[in-house]
Amino acid sequence: MKKLGVLLIAGLIVAPAFADEIDAATVEKIEAYLASIECQMDPDDIEVEDDVYDLDDVICKGGNQFDIKLDKDLKEVSRKAE
């Protein structure tokens, strides 16, 4: 019975991580957008926060690094140099 309780608690801790999982089609669209502006990133660094896609550690042509935020329609809403 203790093991079941531990598993249930572990499931509650891990479950929120899956709530904001990004589907493969959206990742492809984000990568296509980044390629169009001559940038790239590790898809594992894409997060969803309040209906905004937060792209961490985006590397663009010339070696500049940014954090970029895209709205739900994948339109850029902010870019912050790192």
C-alpha atoms as a PDB file:
ATOM      1  CA  MET A   1       0.000   0.000   0.000  1.00  0.00           C
ATOM      2  CA  LYS A   2       2.897   2.383   0.733  1.00  0.00           C
ATOM      3  CA  LYS A   3       4.269   1.827  -2.754  1.00  0.00           C
ATOM      4  CA  LEU A   4       0.922   2.797  -4.286  1.00  0.00           C
ATOM      5  CA  GLY A   5       0.896   6.026  -2.263  1.00  0.00           C
ATOM      6  CA  VAL A   6       4.421   6.869  -3.356  1.00  0.00           C
ATOM      7  CA  LEU A   7       3.525   6.198  -6.997  1.00  0.00           C
ATOM      8  CA  LEU A   8       0.431   8.380  -6.752  1.00  0.00           C
ATOM      9  CA  ILE A   9       2.432  11.238  -5.231  1.00  0.00           C
ATOM     10  CA  ALA A  10       5.150  10.844  -7.868  1.00  0.00           C
ATOM     11  CA  GLY A  11       2.470  10.899 -10.581  1.00  0.00           C
ATOM     12  CA  LEU A  12       1.069  14.154  -9.219  1.00  0.00           C
ATOM     13  CA  ILE A  13       4.514  15.725  -9.232  1.00  0.00           C
ATOM     14  CA  VAL A  14       5.325  14.575 -12.779  1.00  0.00           C
ATOM     15  CA  ALA A  15       1.854  15.114 -14.306  1.00  0.00           C
ATOM     16  CA  PRO A  16       2.112  18.921 -14.651  1.00  0.00           C
ATOM     17  CA  ALA A  17       5.202  18.516 -16.831  1.00  0.00           C
ATOM     18  CA  PHE A  18       3.080  16.711 -19.410  1.00  0.00           C
ATOM     19  CA  ALA A  19       0.248  19.261 -19.304  1.00  0.00           C
ATOM     20  CA  ASP A  20       2.160  21.760 -21.442  1.00  0.00           C
ATOM     21  CA  GLU A  21       3.759  19.259 -23.799  1.00  0.00           C
ATOM     22  CA  ILE A  22       4.128  20.637 -27.316  1.00  0.00           C
ATOM     23  CA  ASP A  23       3.025  18.510 -30.258  1.00  0.00           C
ATOM     24  CA  ALA A  24       5.456  17.653 -33.054  1.00  0.00           C
ATOM     25  CA  ALA A  25       3.614  19.748 -35.654  1.00  0.00           C
ATOM     26  CA  THR A  26       3.970  22.878 -33.521  1.00  0.00           C
ATOM     27  CA  VAL A  27       7.663  22.183 -32.940  1.00  0.00           C
ATOM     28  CA  GLU A  28       8.125  21.879 -36.721  1.00  0.00           C
ATOM     29  CA  LYS A  29       6.360  25.215 -37.287  1.00  0.00           C
ATOM     30  CA  ILE A  30       8.533  26.889 -34.639  1.00  0.00           C
ATOM     31  CA  GLU A  31      11.684  25.435 -36.207  1.00  0.00           C
ATOM     32  CA  ALA A  32      10.536  26.643 -39.662  1.00  0.00           C
ATOM     33  CA  TYR A  33       9.979  30.146 -38.274  1.00  0.00           C
ATOM     34  CA  LEU A  34      13.432  30.127 -36.673  1.00  0.00           C
ATOM     35  CA  ALA A  35      15.015  28.979 -39.939  1.00  0.00           C
ATOM     36  CA  SER A  36      13.263  31.848 -41.754  1.00  0.00           C
ATOM     37  CA  ILE A  37      14.979  34.348 -39.446  1.00  0.00           C
ATOM     38  CA  GLU A  38      18.288  32.430 -39.650  1.00  0.00           C
ATOM     39  CA  CYS A  39      18.136  31.075 -36.118  1.00  0.00           C
ATOM     40  CA  GLN A  40      18.090  27.642 -34.501  1.00  0.00           C
ATOM     41  CA  MET A  41      17.679  26.036 -31.097  1.00  0.00           C
ATOM     42  CA  ASP A  42      17.293  22.752 -29.291  1.00  0.00           C
ATOM     43  CA  PRO A  43      13.560  21.860 -29.408  1.00  0.00           C
ATOM     44  CA  ASP A  44      13.862  20.648 -25.802  1.00  0.00           C
ATOM     45  CA  ASP A  45      14.245  24.321 -24.818  1.00  0.00           C
ATOM     46  CA  ILE A  46      10.707  25.213 -25.962  1.00  0.00           C
ATOM     47  CA  GLU A  47       8.341  25.813 -23.057  1.00  0.00           C
ATOM     48  CA  VAL A  48       4.717  26.931 -22.820  1.00  0.00           C
ATOM     49  CA  GLU A  49       3.914  29.625 -20.269  1.00  0.00           C
ATOM     50  CA  ASP A  50       0.507  31.343 -20.153  1.00  0.00           C
ATOM     51  CA  ASP A  51      -0.315  30.513 -23.809  1.00  0.00           C
ATOM     52  CA  VAL A  52       3.089  31.856 -24.897  1.00  0.00           C
ATOM     53  CA  TYR A  53       5.869  29.721 -26.367  1.00  0.00           C
ATOM     54  CA  ASP A  54       9.104  30.567 -24.565  1.00  0.00           C
ATOM     55  CA  LEU A  55      12.135  29.737 -26.727  1.00  0.00           C
ATOM     56  CA  ASP A  56      15.290  29.646 -24.625  1.00  0.00           C
ATOM     57  CA  ASP A  57      18.836  29.866 -25.935  1.00  0.00           C
ATOM     58  CA  VAL A  58      18.018  30.644 -29.571  1.00  0.00           C
ATOM     59  CA  ILE A  59      21.219  31.070 -31.590  1.00  0.00           C
ATOM     60  CA  CYS A  60      20.963  33.337 -34.629  1.00  0.00           C
ATOM     61  CA  LYS A  61      23.229  34.099 -37.567  1.00  0.00           C
ATOM     62  CA  GLY A  62      26.329  35.870 -36.317  1.00  0.00           C
ATOM     63  CA  GLY A  63      26.327  33.918 -33.049  1.00  0.00           C
ATOM     64  CA  ASN A  64      23.915  36.151 -31.147  1.00  0.00           C
ATOM     65  CA  GLN A  65      21.830  34.362 -28.524  1.00  0.00           C
ATOM     66  CA  PHE A  66      18.260  35.299 -27.577  1.00  0.00           C
ATOM     67  CA  ASP A  67      15.235  34.262 -25.595  1.00  0.00           C
ATOM     68  CA  ILE A  68      12.239  34.647 -27.904  1.00  0.00           C
ATOM     69  CA  LYS A  69       8.555  34.525 -27.038  1.00  0.00           C
ATOM     70  CA  LEU A  70       5.880  33.579 -29.567  1.00  0.00           C
ATOM     71  CA  ASP A  71       2.144  33.989 -29.074  1.00  0.00           C
ATOM     72  CA  LYS A  72      -0.313  31.124 -29.623  1.00  0.00           C
ATOM     73  CA  ASP A  73      -0.334  31.945 -33.362  1.00  0.00           C
ATOM     74  CA  LEU A  74       3.483  31.660 -33.423  1.00  0.00           C
ATOM     75  CA  LYS A  75       3.986  35.386 -33.948  1.00  0.00           C
ATOM     76  CA  GLU A  76       7.019  36.863 -32.208  1.00  0.00           C
ATOM     77  CA  VAL A  77       6.033  39.051 -29.260  1.00  0.00           C
ATOM     78  CA  SER A  78       9.428  39.611 -27.655  1.00  0.00           C
ATOM     79  CA  ARG A  79      13.130  38.992 -28.112  1.00  0.00           C
ATOM     80  CA  LYS A  80      15.684  39.439 -25.355  1.00  0.00           C
ATOM     81  CA  ALA A  81      19.424  39.213 -25.952  1.00  0.00           C
ATOM     82  CA  GLU A  82      21.373  37.003 -23.575  1.00  0.00           C
END
